[in-house]
């Protein structure tokens, strides 16, 4: 079993791979607007949304995810945290790329 430090390192490496994957999927203008830090924040916010809505508790093999709702949630969280306003249509691409990455990893 991996130590806590090893698990953190593995999580960090996976996050870097996911951000690189997402960057390849984003339209050029969106890619230029979003820093790696912001993309990581979005991924954390997306995961928190899935957790809060019970998605991770589902035993179903296939789950219906409303990507527009997830994008709207990320935008609302950005506003609530005083971050720069985000465009839901651009965030939608991040949500879609995140799902694509998760699908390829499973």
PDB file of N, CA and C in Angstrom:
ATOM      1  N   UNK A   1       0.846  -1.182   0.000  1.00  0.00           N
ATOM      2  CA  UNK A   1       0.000   0.000   0.000  1.00  0.00           C
ATOM      3  C   UNK A   1       0.889   1.243   0.000  1.00  0.00           C
ATOM      4  N   UNK A   2       0.501   2.209  -0.789  1.00  0.00           N
ATOM      5  CA  UNK A   2       1.284   3.440  -0.925  1.00  0.00           C
ATOM      6  C   UNK A   2       1.127   4.315   0.316  1.00  0.00           C
ATOM      7  N   UNK A   3       2.202   5.001   0.641  1.00  0.00           N
ATOM      8  CA  UNK A   3       2.145   5.928   1.763  1.00  0.00           C
ATOM      9  C   UNK A   3       1.330   7.153   1.358  1.00  0.00           C
ATOM     10  N   UNK A   4       0.983   7.952   2.348  1.00  0.00           N
ATOM     11  CA  UNK A   4       0.213   9.169   2.094  1.00  0.00           C
ATOM     12  C   UNK A   4       0.959  10.073   1.115  1.00  0.00           C
ATOM     13  N   UNK A   5       2.275  10.219   1.305  1.00  0.00           N
ATOM     14  CA  UNK A   5       3.086  11.072   0.422  1.00  0.00           C
ATOM     15  C   UNK A   5       3.105  10.526  -1.000  1.00  0.00           C
ATOM     16  N   UNK A   6       3.179   9.199  -1.114  1.00  0.00           N
ATOM     17  CA  UNK A   6       3.174   8.586  -2.452  1.00  0.00           C
ATOM     18  C   UNK A   6       1.830   8.796  -3.139  1.00  0.00           C
ATOM     19  N   UNK A   7       0.749   8.689  -2.380  1.00  0.00           N
ATOM     20  CA  UNK A   7      -0.576   8.927  -2.952  1.00  0.00           C
ATOM     21  C   UNK A   7      -0.726  10.374  -3.406  1.00  0.00           C
ATOM     22  N   UNK A   8      -0.224  11.313  -2.609  1.00  0.00           N
ATOM     23  CA  UNK A   8      -0.267  12.724  -3.006  1.00  0.00           C
ATOM     24  C   UNK A   8       0.509  12.946  -4.297  1.00  0.00           C
ATOM     25  N   UNK A   9       1.678  12.339  -4.405  1.00  0.00           N
ATOM     26  CA  UNK A   9       2.492  12.466  -5.612  1.00  0.00           C
ATOM     27  C   UNK A   9       1.778  11.865  -6.815  1.00  0.00           C
ATOM     28  N   UNK A  10       1.147  10.716  -6.636  1.00  0.00           N
ATOM     29  CA  UNK A  10       0.402  10.092  -7.737  1.00  0.00           C
ATOM     30  C   UNK A  10      -0.778  10.969  -8.156  1.00  0.00           C
ATOM     31  N   UNK A  11      -1.480  11.547  -7.180  1.00  0.00           N
ATOM     32  CA  UNK A  11      -2.599  12.445  -7.490  1.00  0.00           C
ATOM     33  C   UNK A  11      -2.110  13.669  -8.262  1.00  0.00           C
ATOM     34  N   UNK A  12      -0.974  14.217  -7.829  1.00  0.00           N
ATOM     35  CA  UNK A  12      -0.411  15.385  -8.500  1.00  0.00           C
ATOM     36  C   UNK A  12      -0.025  15.049  -9.938  1.00  0.00           C
ATOM     37  N   UNK A  13       0.555  13.889 -10.152  1.00  0.00           N
ATOM     38  CA  UNK A  13       0.939  13.476 -11.503  1.00  0.00           C
ATOM     39  C   UNK A  13      -0.285  13.259 -12.378  1.00  0.00           C
ATOM     40  N   UNK A  14      -1.336  12.646 -11.812  1.00  0.00           N
ATOM     41  CA  UNK A  14      -2.552  12.447 -12.588  1.00  0.00           C
ATOM     42  C   UNK A  14      -3.188  13.792 -12.933  1.00  0.00           C
ATOM     43  N   UNK A  15      -3.174  14.725 -11.998  1.00  0.00           N
ATOM     44  CA  UNK A  15      -3.726  16.058 -12.259  1.00  0.00           C
ATOM     45  C   UNK A  15      -2.968  16.744 -13.394  1.00  0.00           C
ATOM     46  N   UNK A  16      -1.664  16.615 -13.406  1.00  0.00           N
ATOM     47  CA  UNK A  16      -0.858  17.207 -14.484  1.00  0.00           C
ATOM     48  C   UNK A  16      -1.206  16.569 -15.821  1.00  0.00           C
ATOM     49  N   UNK A  17      -1.380  15.239 -15.838  1.00  0.00           N
ATOM     50  CA  UNK A  17      -1.761  14.550 -17.080  1.00  0.00           C
ATOM     51  C   UNK A  17      -3.136  15.011 -17.551  1.00  0.00           C
ATOM     52  N   UNK A  18      -4.050  15.174 -16.595  1.00  0.00           N
ATOM     53  CA  UNK A  18      -5.400  15.594 -16.964  1.00  0.00           C
ATOM     54  C   UNK A  18      -5.413  17.013 -17.500  1.00  0.00           C
ATOM     55  N   UNK A  19      -4.685  17.915 -16.871  1.00  0.00           N
ATOM     56  CA  UNK A  19      -4.622  19.296 -17.359  1.00  0.00           C
ATOM     57  C   UNK A  19      -4.029  19.325 -18.769  1.00  0.00           C
ATOM     58  N   UNK A  20      -2.979  18.546 -19.015  1.00  0.00           N
ATOM     59  CA  UNK A  20      -2.376  18.484 -20.353  1.00  0.00           C
ATOM     60  C   UNK A  20      -3.390  17.953 -21.362  1.00  0.00           C
ATOM     61  N   UNK A  21      -4.144  16.930 -20.979  1.00  0.00           N
ATOM     62  CA  UNK A  21      -5.178  16.366 -21.852  1.00  0.00           C
ATOM     63  C   UNK A  21      -6.240  17.410 -22.164  1.00  0.00           C
ATOM     64  N   UNK A  22      -6.704  18.106 -21.128  1.00  0.00           N
ATOM     65  CA  UNK A  22      -7.745  19.125 -21.309  1.00  0.00           C
ATOM     66  C   UNK A  22      -7.245  20.239 -22.218  1.00  0.00           C
ATOM     67  N   UNK A  23      -6.026  20.668 -22.014  1.00  0.00           N
ATOM     68  CA  UNK A  23      -5.465  21.741 -22.848  1.00  0.00           C
ATOM     69  C   UNK A  23      -5.498  21.355 -24.327  1.00  0.00           C
ATOM     70  N   UNK A  24      -5.259  20.084 -24.633  1.00  0.00           N
ATOM     71  CA  UNK A  24      -5.291  19.627 -26.028  1.00  0.00           C
ATOM     72  C   UNK A  24      -6.700  19.673 -26.596  1.00  0.00           C
ATOM     73  N   UNK A  25      -7.708  19.536 -25.729  1.00  0.00           N
ATOM     74  CA  UNK A  25      -9.102  19.479 -26.172  1.00  0.00           C
ATOM     75  C   UNK A  25      -9.759  20.854 -26.318  1.00  0.00           C
ATOM     76  N   UNK A  26      -9.248  21.836 -25.588  1.00  0.00           N
ATOM     77  CA  UNK A  26      -9.898  23.151 -25.565  1.00  0.00           C
ATOM     78  C   UNK A  26      -9.682  23.929 -26.862  1.00  0.00           C
ATOM     79  N   UNK A  27     -10.666  24.738 -27.240  1.00  0.00           N
ATOM     80  CA  UNK A  27     -10.458  25.657 -28.361  1.00  0.00           C
ATOM     81  C   UNK A  27      -9.304  26.611 -28.023  1.00  0.00           C
ATOM     82  N   UNK A  28      -8.593  27.058 -29.026  1.00  0.00           N
ATOM     83  CA  UNK A  28      -7.387  27.868 -28.826  1.00  0.00           C
ATOM     84  C   UNK A  28      -7.633  29.106 -27.959  1.00  0.00           C
ATOM     85  N   UNK A  29      -8.718  29.829 -28.218  1.00  0.00           N
ATOM     86  CA  UNK A  29      -8.964  31.050 -27.446  1.00  0.00           C
ATOM     87  C   UNK A  29      -9.232  30.754 -25.970  1.00  0.00           C
ATOM     88  N   UNK A  30      -9.897  29.644 -25.698  1.00  0.00           N
ATOM     89  CA  UNK A  30     -10.153  29.249 -24.311  1.00  0.00           C
ATOM     90  C   UNK A  30      -8.866  28.771 -23.653  1.00  0.00           C
ATOM     91  N   UNK A  31      -8.091  28.029 -24.397  1.00  0.00           N
ATOM     92  CA  UNK A  31      -6.817  27.503 -23.894  1.00  0.00           C
ATOM     93  C   UNK A  31      -5.922  28.629 -23.402  1.00  0.00           C
ATOM     94  N   UNK A  32      -5.919  29.724 -24.119  1.00  0.00           N
ATOM     95  CA  UNK A  32      -5.067  30.860 -23.771  1.00  0.00           C
ATOM     96  C   UNK A  32      -5.580  31.616 -22.545  1.00  0.00           C
ATOM     97  N   UNK A  33      -6.885  31.554 -22.279  1.00  0.00           N
ATOM     98  CA  UNK A  33      -7.482  32.297 -21.164  1.00  0.00           C
ATOM     99  C   UNK A  33      -7.291  31.612 -19.816  1.00  0.00           C
ATOM    100  N   UNK A  34      -7.179  30.283 -19.821  1.00  0.00           N
ATOM    101  CA  UNK A  34      -7.197  29.521 -18.573  1.00  0.00           C
ATOM    102  C   UNK A  34      -5.814  29.026 -18.190  1.00  0.00           C
ATOM    103  N   UNK A  35      -5.371  29.428 -17.005  1.00  0.00           N
ATOM    104  CA  UNK A  35      -4.086  28.958 -16.474  1.00  0.00           C
ATOM    105  C   UNK A  35      -4.254  27.522 -15.972  1.00  0.00           C
ATOM    106  N   UNK A  36      -3.135  26.848 -15.768  1.00  0.00           N
ATOM    107  CA  UNK A  36      -3.184  25.502 -15.194  1.00  0.00           C
ATOM    108  C   UNK A  36      -3.817  25.542 -13.805  1.00  0.00           C
ATOM    109  N   UNK A  37      -3.504  26.586 -13.048  1.00  0.00           N
ATOM    110  CA  UNK A  37      -4.077  26.730 -11.708  1.00  0.00           C
ATOM    111  C   UNK A  37      -5.599  26.813 -11.773  1.00  0.00           C
ATOM    112  N   UNK A  38      -6.117  27.601 -12.708  1.00  0.00           N
ATOM    113  CA  UNK A  38      -7.564  27.725 -12.836  1.00  0.00           C
ATOM    114  C   UNK A  38      -8.183  26.404 -13.283  1.00  0.00           C
ATOM    115  N   UNK A  39      -7.533  25.711 -14.195  1.00  0.00           N
ATOM    116  CA  UNK A  39      -8.052  24.414 -14.637  1.00  0.00           C
ATOM    117  C   UNK A  39      -8.087  23.426 -13.471  1.00  0.00           C
ATOM    118  N   UNK A  40      -7.053  23.420 -12.645  1.00  0.00           N
ATOM    119  CA  UNK A  40      -7.046  22.537 -11.476  1.00  0.00           C
ATOM    120  C   UNK A  40      -8.168  22.900 -10.512  1.00  0.00           C
ATOM    121  N   UNK A  41      -8.401  24.196 -10.320  1.00  0.00           N
ATOM    122  CA  UNK A  41      -9.507  24.631  -9.467  1.00  0.00           C
ATOM    123  C   UNK A  41     -10.840  24.138 -10.047  1.00  0.00           C
ATOM    124  N   UNK A  42     -10.997  24.270 -11.366  1.00  0.00           N
ATOM    125  CA  UNK A  42     -12.230  23.806 -12.012  1.00  0.00           C
ATOM    126  C   UNK A  42     -12.421  22.305 -11.796  1.00  0.00           C
ATOM    127  N   UNK A  43     -11.350  21.535 -11.959  1.00  0.00           N
ATOM    128  CA  UNK A  43     -11.446  20.087 -11.767  1.00  0.00           C
ATOM    129  C   UNK A  43     -11.847  19.748 -10.336  1.00  0.00           C
ATOM    130  N   UNK A  44     -11.287  20.448  -9.369  1.00  0.00           N
ATOM    131  CA  UNK A  44     -11.674  20.240  -7.975  1.00  0.00           C
ATOM    132  C   UNK A  44     -13.144  20.597  -7.754  1.00  0.00           C
ATOM    133  N   UNK A  45     -13.568  21.687  -8.360  1.00  0.00           N
ATOM    134  CA  UNK A  45     -14.952  22.145  -8.211  1.00  0.00           C
ATOM    135  C   UNK A  45     -15.916  21.168  -8.875  1.00  0.00           C
ATOM    136  N   UNK A  46     -15.530  20.644 -10.022  1.00  0.00           N
ATOM    137  CA  UNK A  46     -16.353  19.636 -10.716  1.00  0.00           C
ATOM    138  C   UNK A  46     -16.477  18.395  -9.835  1.00  0.00           C
ATOM    139  N   UNK A  47     -15.364  17.925  -9.289  1.00  0.00           N
ATOM    140  CA  UNK A  47     -15.386  16.731  -8.438  1.00  0.00           C
ATOM    141  C   UNK A  47     -16.243  16.967  -7.192  1.00  0.00           C
ATOM    142  N   UNK A  48     -16.132  18.144  -6.593  1.00  0.00           N
ATOM    143  CA  UNK A  48     -16.959  18.474  -5.427  1.00  0.00           C
ATOM    144  C   UNK A  48     -18.440  18.446  -5.786  1.00  0.00           C
ATOM    145  N   UNK A  49     -18.775  18.939  -6.975  1.00  0.00           N
ATOM    146  CA  UNK A  49     -20.169  18.929  -7.420  1.00  0.00           C
ATOM    147  C   UNK A  49     -20.662  17.490  -7.557  1.00  0.00           C
ATOM    148  N   UNK A  50     -19.862  16.643  -8.167  1.00  0.00           N
ATOM    149  CA  UNK A  50     -20.249  15.238  -8.322  1.00  0.00           C
ATOM    150  C   UNK A  50     -20.442  14.593  -6.950  1.00  0.00           C
ATOM    151  N   UNK A  51     -19.554  14.897  -6.021  1.00  0.00           N
ATOM    152  CA  UNK A  51     -19.661  14.340  -4.673  1.00  0.00           C
ATOM    153  C   UNK A  51     -20.929  14.847  -3.989  1.00  0.00           C
ATOM    154  N   UNK A  52     -21.155  16.163  -4.052  1.00  0.00           N
ATOM    155  CA  UNK A  52     -22.309  16.776  -3.386  1.00  0.00           C
ATOM    156  C   UNK A  52     -23.639  16.282  -3.947  1.00  0.00           C
ATOM    157  N   UNK A  53     -23.667  15.947  -5.224  1.00  0.00           N
ATOM    158  CA  UNK A  53     -24.910  15.487  -5.843  1.00  0.00           C
ATOM    159  C   UNK A  53     -25.079  13.972  -5.754  1.00  0.00           C
ATOM    160  N   UNK A  54     -24.110  13.292  -5.122  1.00  0.00           N
ATOM    161  CA  UNK A  54     -24.229  11.854  -4.923  1.00  0.00           C
ATOM    162  C   UNK A  54     -23.777  11.007  -6.095  1.00  0.00           C
ATOM    163  N   UNK A  55     -23.170  11.614  -7.075  1.00  0.00           N
ATOM    164  CA  UNK A  55     -22.730  10.858  -8.249  1.00  0.00           C
ATOM    165  C   UNK A  55     -21.742   9.754  -7.864  1.00  0.00           C
ATOM    166  N   UNK A  56     -20.849  10.048  -6.937  1.00  0.00           N
ATOM    167  CA  UNK A  56     -19.851   9.064  -6.536  1.00  0.00           C
ATOM    168  C   UNK A  56     -20.466   7.923  -5.722  1.00  0.00           C
ATOM    169  N   UNK A  57     -21.666   8.136  -5.204  1.00  0.00           N
ATOM    170  CA  UNK A  57     -22.340   7.104  -4.421  1.00  0.00           C
ATOM    171  C   UNK A  57     -23.162   6.152  -5.285  1.00  0.00           C
ATOM    172  N   UNK A  58     -23.311   6.467  -6.556  1.00  0.00           N
ATOM    173  CA  UNK A  58     -24.143   5.675  -7.447  1.00  0.00           C
ATOM    174  C   UNK A  58     -23.484   4.334  -7.765  1.00  0.00           C
ATOM    175  N   UNK A  59     -24.304   3.285  -7.772  1.00  0.00           N
ATOM    176  CA  UNK A  59     -23.830   1.952  -8.148  1.00  0.00           C
ATOM    177  C   UNK A  59     -24.053   1.678  -9.630  1.00  0.00           C
ATOM    178  N   UNK A  60     -24.718   2.609 -10.309  1.00  0.00           N
ATOM    179  CA  UNK A  60     -25.003   2.441 -11.730  1.00  0.00           C
ATOM    180  C   UNK A  60     -23.711   2.494 -12.535  1.00  0.00           C
ATOM    181  N   UNK A  61     -23.632   1.635 -13.557  1.00  0.00           N
ATOM    182  CA  UNK A  61     -22.450   1.651 -14.419  1.00  0.00           C
ATOM    183  C   UNK A  61     -22.429   2.901 -15.288  1.00  0.00           C
ATOM    184  N   UNK A  62     -23.595   3.341 -15.704  1.00  0.00           N
ATOM    185  CA  UNK A  62     -23.687   4.555 -16.507  1.00  0.00           C
ATOM    186  C   UNK A  62     -24.530   5.575 -15.751  1.00  0.00           C
ATOM    187  N   UNK A  63     -24.021   6.789 -15.718  1.00  0.00           N
ATOM    188  CA  UNK A  63     -24.701   7.871 -15.006  1.00  0.00           C
ATOM    189  C   UNK A  63     -24.908   9.013 -15.994  1.00  0.00           C
ATOM    190  N   UNK A  64     -26.087   9.605 -15.945  1.00  0.00           N
ATOM    191  CA  UNK A  64     -26.392  10.738 -16.816  1.00  0.00           C
ATOM    192  C   UNK A  64     -25.902  12.017 -16.149  1.00  0.00           C
ATOM    193  N   UNK A  65     -24.960  12.689 -16.795  1.00  0.00           N
ATOM    194  CA  UNK A  65     -24.401  13.925 -16.253  1.00  0.00           C
ATOM    195  C   UNK A  65     -24.838  15.079 -17.146  1.00  0.00           C
ATOM    196  N   UNK A  66     -25.467  16.066 -16.541  1.00  0.00           N
ATOM    197  CA  UNK A  66     -25.876  17.272 -17.260  1.00  0.00           C
ATOM    198  C   UNK A  66     -24.673  18.221 -17.289  1.00  0.00           C
ATOM    199  N   UNK A  67     -23.927  18.193 -18.382  1.00  0.00           N
ATOM    200  CA  UNK A  67     -22.693  18.986 -18.478  1.00  0.00           C
ATOM    201  C   UNK A  67     -22.974  20.483 -18.394  1.00  0.00           C
ATOM    202  N   UNK A  68     -24.131  20.921 -18.890  1.00  0.00           N
ATOM    203  CA  UNK A  68     -24.479  22.338 -18.767  1.00  0.00           C
ATOM    204  C   UNK A  68     -24.654  22.728 -17.304  1.00  0.00           C
ATOM    205  N   UNK A  69     -25.304  21.860 -16.527  1.00  0.00           N
ATOM    206  CA  UNK A  69     -25.501  22.136 -15.106  1.00  0.00           C
ATOM    207  C   UNK A  69     -24.160  22.174 -14.377  1.00  0.00           C
ATOM    208  N   UNK A  70     -23.272  21.254 -14.711  1.00  0.00           N
ATOM    209  CA  UNK A  70     -21.957  21.234 -14.067  1.00  0.00           C
ATOM    210  C   UNK A  70     -21.199  22.520 -14.406  1.00  0.00           C
ATOM    211  N   UNK A  71     -21.254  22.932 -15.664  1.00  0.00           N
ATOM    212  CA  UNK A  71     -20.581  24.181 -16.074  1.00  0.00           C
ATOM    213  C   UNK A  71     -21.168  25.377 -15.339  1.00  0.00           C
ATOM    214  N   UNK A  72     -22.484  25.419 -15.214  1.00  0.00           N
ATOM    215  CA  UNK A  72     -23.136  26.506 -14.477  1.00  0.00           C
ATOM    216  C   UNK A  72     -22.700  26.501 -13.014  1.00  0.00           C
ATOM    217  N   UNK A  73     -22.591  25.317 -12.434  1.00  0.00           N
ATOM    218  CA  UNK A  73     -22.150  25.205 -11.039  1.00  0.00           C
ATOM    219  C   UNK A  73     -20.743  25.784 -10.867  1.00  0.00           C
ATOM    220  N   UNK A  74     -19.848  25.443 -11.779  1.00  0.00           N
ATOM    221  CA  UNK A  74     -18.475  25.955 -11.708  1.00  0.00           C
ATOM    222  C   UNK A  74     -18.487  27.478 -11.792  1.00  0.00           C
ATOM    223  N   UNK A  75     -19.295  28.025 -12.671  1.00  0.00           N
ATOM    224  CA  UNK A  75     -19.382  29.488 -12.818  1.00  0.00           C
ATOM    225  C   UNK A  75     -19.941  30.133 -11.544  1.00  0.00           C
ATOM    226  N   UNK A  76     -20.945  29.509 -10.951  1.00  0.00           N
ATOM    227  CA  UNK A  76     -21.516  30.043  -9.696  1.00  0.00           C
ATOM    228  C   UNK A  76     -20.479  29.996  -8.576  1.00  0.00           C
ATOM    229  N   UNK A  77     -19.716  28.916  -8.505  1.00  0.00           N
ATOM    230  CA  UNK A  77     -18.684  28.800  -7.479  1.00  0.00           C
ATOM    231  C   UNK A  77     -17.607  29.856  -7.665  1.00  0.00           C
ATOM    232  N   UNK A  78     -17.224  30.100  -8.909  1.00  0.00           N
ATOM    233  CA  UNK A  78     -16.208  31.126  -9.183  1.00  0.00           C
ATOM    234  C   UNK A  78     -16.701  32.475  -8.673  1.00  0.00           C
ATOM    235  N   UNK A  79     -17.960  32.784  -8.955  1.00  0.00           N
ATOM    236  CA  UNK A  79     -18.535  34.049  -8.497  1.00  0.00           C
ATOM    237  C   UNK A  79     -18.594  34.097  -6.970  1.00  0.00           C
ATOM    238  N   UNK A  80     -19.019  32.999  -6.351  1.00  0.00           N
ATOM    239  CA  UNK A  80     -19.132  32.951  -4.894  1.00  0.00           C
ATOM    240  C   UNK A  80     -17.771  33.123  -4.209  1.00  0.00           C
ATOM    241  N   UNK A  81     -16.718  32.671  -4.871  1.00  0.00           N
ATOM    242  CA  UNK A  81     -15.375  32.777  -4.300  1.00  0.00           C
ATOM    243  C   UNK A  81     -14.652  34.054  -4.721  1.00  0.00           C
ATOM    244  N   UNK A  82     -15.356  34.918  -5.458  1.00  0.00           N
ATOM    245  CA  UNK A  82     -14.756  36.180  -5.867  1.00  0.00           C
ATOM    246  C   UNK A  82     -13.740  36.044  -6.983  1.00  0.00           C
ATOM    247  N   UNK A  83     -13.828  34.969  -7.726  1.00  0.00           N
ATOM    248  CA  UNK A  83     -12.924  34.767  -8.867  1.00  0.00           C
ATOM    249  C   UNK A  83     -13.436  35.551 -10.074  1.00  0.00           C
ATOM    250  N   UNK A  84     -12.598  35.647 -11.046  1.00  0.00           N
ATOM    251  CA  UNK A  84     -12.963  36.257 -12.324  1.00  0.00           C
ATOM    252  C   UNK A  84     -14.181  35.517 -12.889  1.00  0.00           C
ATOM    253  N   UNK A  85     -15.175  36.234 -13.423  1.00  0.00           N
ATOM    254  CA  UNK A  85     -16.346  35.549 -13.999  1.00  0.00           C
ATOM    255  C   UNK A  85     -15.922  34.608 -15.128  1.00  0.00           C
ATOM    256  N   UNK A  86     -16.578  33.459 -15.180  1.00  0.00           N
ATOM    257  CA  UNK A  86     -16.288  32.458 -16.199  1.00  0.00           C
ATOM    258  C   UNK A  86     -17.461  32.341 -17.157  1.00  0.00           C
ATOM    259  N   UNK A  87     -17.149  32.031 -18.395  1.00  0.00           N
ATOM    260  CA  UNK A  87     -18.162  31.844 -19.428  1.00  0.00           C
ATOM    261  C   UNK A  87     -18.622  30.383 -19.394  1.00  0.00           C
ATOM    262  N   UNK A  88     -19.911  30.134 -19.129  1.00  0.00           N
ATOM    263  CA  UNK A  88     -20.402  28.754 -19.043  1.00  0.00           C
ATOM    264  C   UNK A  88     -20.131  27.930 -20.304  1.00  0.00           C
ATOM    265  N   UNK A  89     -20.149  28.577 -21.462  1.00  0.00           N
ATOM    266  CA  UNK A  89     -19.883  27.835 -22.702  1.00  0.00           C
ATOM    267  C   UNK A  89     -18.432  27.367 -22.767  1.00  0.00           C
ATOM    268  N   UNK A  90     -17.519  28.182 -22.264  1.00  0.00           N
ATOM    269  CA  UNK A  90     -16.111  27.780 -22.223  1.00  0.00           C
ATOM    270  C   UNK A  90     -15.886  26.712 -21.158  1.00  0.00           C
ATOM    271  N   UNK A  91     -16.525  26.872 -20.013  1.00  0.00           N
ATOM    272  CA  UNK A  91     -16.386  25.892 -18.933  1.00  0.00           C
ATOM    273  C   UNK A  91     -16.965  24.550 -19.377  1.00  0.00           C
ATOM    274  N   UNK A  92     -18.000  24.576 -20.203  1.00  0.00           N
ATOM    275  CA  UNK A  92     -18.589  23.351 -20.738  1.00  0.00           C
ATOM    276  C   UNK A  92     -17.514  22.496 -21.409  1.00  0.00           C
ATOM    277  N   UNK A  93     -16.604  23.135 -22.171  1.00  0.00           N
ATOM    278  CA  UNK A  93     -15.528  22.396 -22.830  1.00  0.00           C
ATOM    279  C   UNK A  93     -14.617  21.715 -21.811  1.00  0.00           C
ATOM    280  N   UNK A  94     -14.380  22.375 -20.678  1.00  0.00           N
ATOM    281  CA  UNK A  94     -13.550  21.789 -19.623  1.00  0.00           C
ATOM    282  C   UNK A  94     -14.266  20.583 -19.019  1.00  0.00           C
ATOM    283  N   UNK A  95     -15.560  20.709 -18.758  1.00  0.00           N
ATOM    284  CA  UNK A  95     -16.352  19.607 -18.199  1.00  0.00           C
ATOM    285  C   UNK A  95     -16.328  18.425 -19.163  1.00  0.00           C
ATOM    286  N   UNK A  96     -16.524  18.706 -20.435  1.00  0.00           N
ATOM    287  CA  UNK A  96     -16.533  17.651 -21.450  1.00  0.00           C
ATOM    288  C   UNK A  96     -15.164  16.967 -21.527  1.00  0.00           C
ATOM    289  N   UNK A  97     -14.101  17.751 -21.520  1.00  0.00           N
ATOM    290  CA  UNK A  97     -12.750  17.183 -21.585  1.00  0.00           C
ATOM    291  C   UNK A  97     -12.441  16.373 -20.333  1.00  0.00           C
ATOM    292  N   UNK A  98     -12.922  16.829 -19.166  1.00  0.00           N
ATOM    293  CA  UNK A  98     -12.726  16.084 -17.925  1.00  0.00           C
ATOM    294  C   UNK A  98     -13.402  14.708 -18.038  1.00  0.00           C
ATOM    295  N   UNK A  99     -14.623  14.679 -18.534  1.00  0.00           N
ATOM    296  CA  UNK A  99     -15.327  13.406 -18.703  1.00  0.00           C
ATOM    297  C   UNK A  99     -14.607  12.504 -19.701  1.00  0.00           C
ATOM    298  N   UNK A 100     -14.104  13.083 -20.786  1.00  0.00           N
ATOM    299  CA  UNK A 100     -13.348  12.313 -21.775  1.00  0.00           C
ATOM    300  C   UNK A 100     -12.106  11.703 -21.151  1.00  0.00           C
ATOM    301  N   UNK A 101     -11.410  12.494 -20.324  1.00  0.00           N
ATOM    302  CA  UNK A 101     -10.212  11.995 -19.649  1.00  0.00           C
ATOM    303  C   UNK A 101     -10.560  10.855 -18.706  1.00  0.00           C
ATOM    304  N   UNK A 102     -11.619  11.031 -17.916  1.00  0.00           N
ATOM    305  CA  UNK A 102     -12.023   9.999 -16.966  1.00  0.00           C
ATOM    306  C   UNK A 102     -12.410   8.712 -17.699  1.00  0.00           C
ATOM    307  N   UNK A 103     -13.079   8.859 -18.840  1.00  0.00           N
ATOM    308  CA  UNK A 103     -13.492   7.701 -19.617  1.00  0.00           C
ATOM    309  C   UNK A 103     -12.296   6.940 -20.164  1.00  0.00           C
ATOM    310  N   UNK A 104     -11.301   7.667 -20.639  1.00  0.00           N
ATOM    311  CA  UNK A 104     -10.118   7.015 -21.202  1.00  0.00           C
ATOM    312  C   UNK A 104      -9.292   6.338 -20.121  1.00  0.00           C
ATOM    313  N   UNK A 105      -9.359   6.858 -18.886  1.00  0.00           N
ATOM    314  CA  UNK A 105      -8.585   6.308 -17.779  1.00  0.00           C
ATOM    315  C   UNK A 105      -9.229   5.052 -17.191  1.00  0.00           C
ATOM    316  N   UNK A 106     -10.514   4.866 -17.456  1.00  0.00           N
ATOM    317  CA  UNK A 106     -11.183   3.697 -16.844  1.00  0.00           C
ATOM    318  C   UNK A 106     -11.138   2.489 -17.738  1.00  0.00           C
TER     319      UNK A 106
END
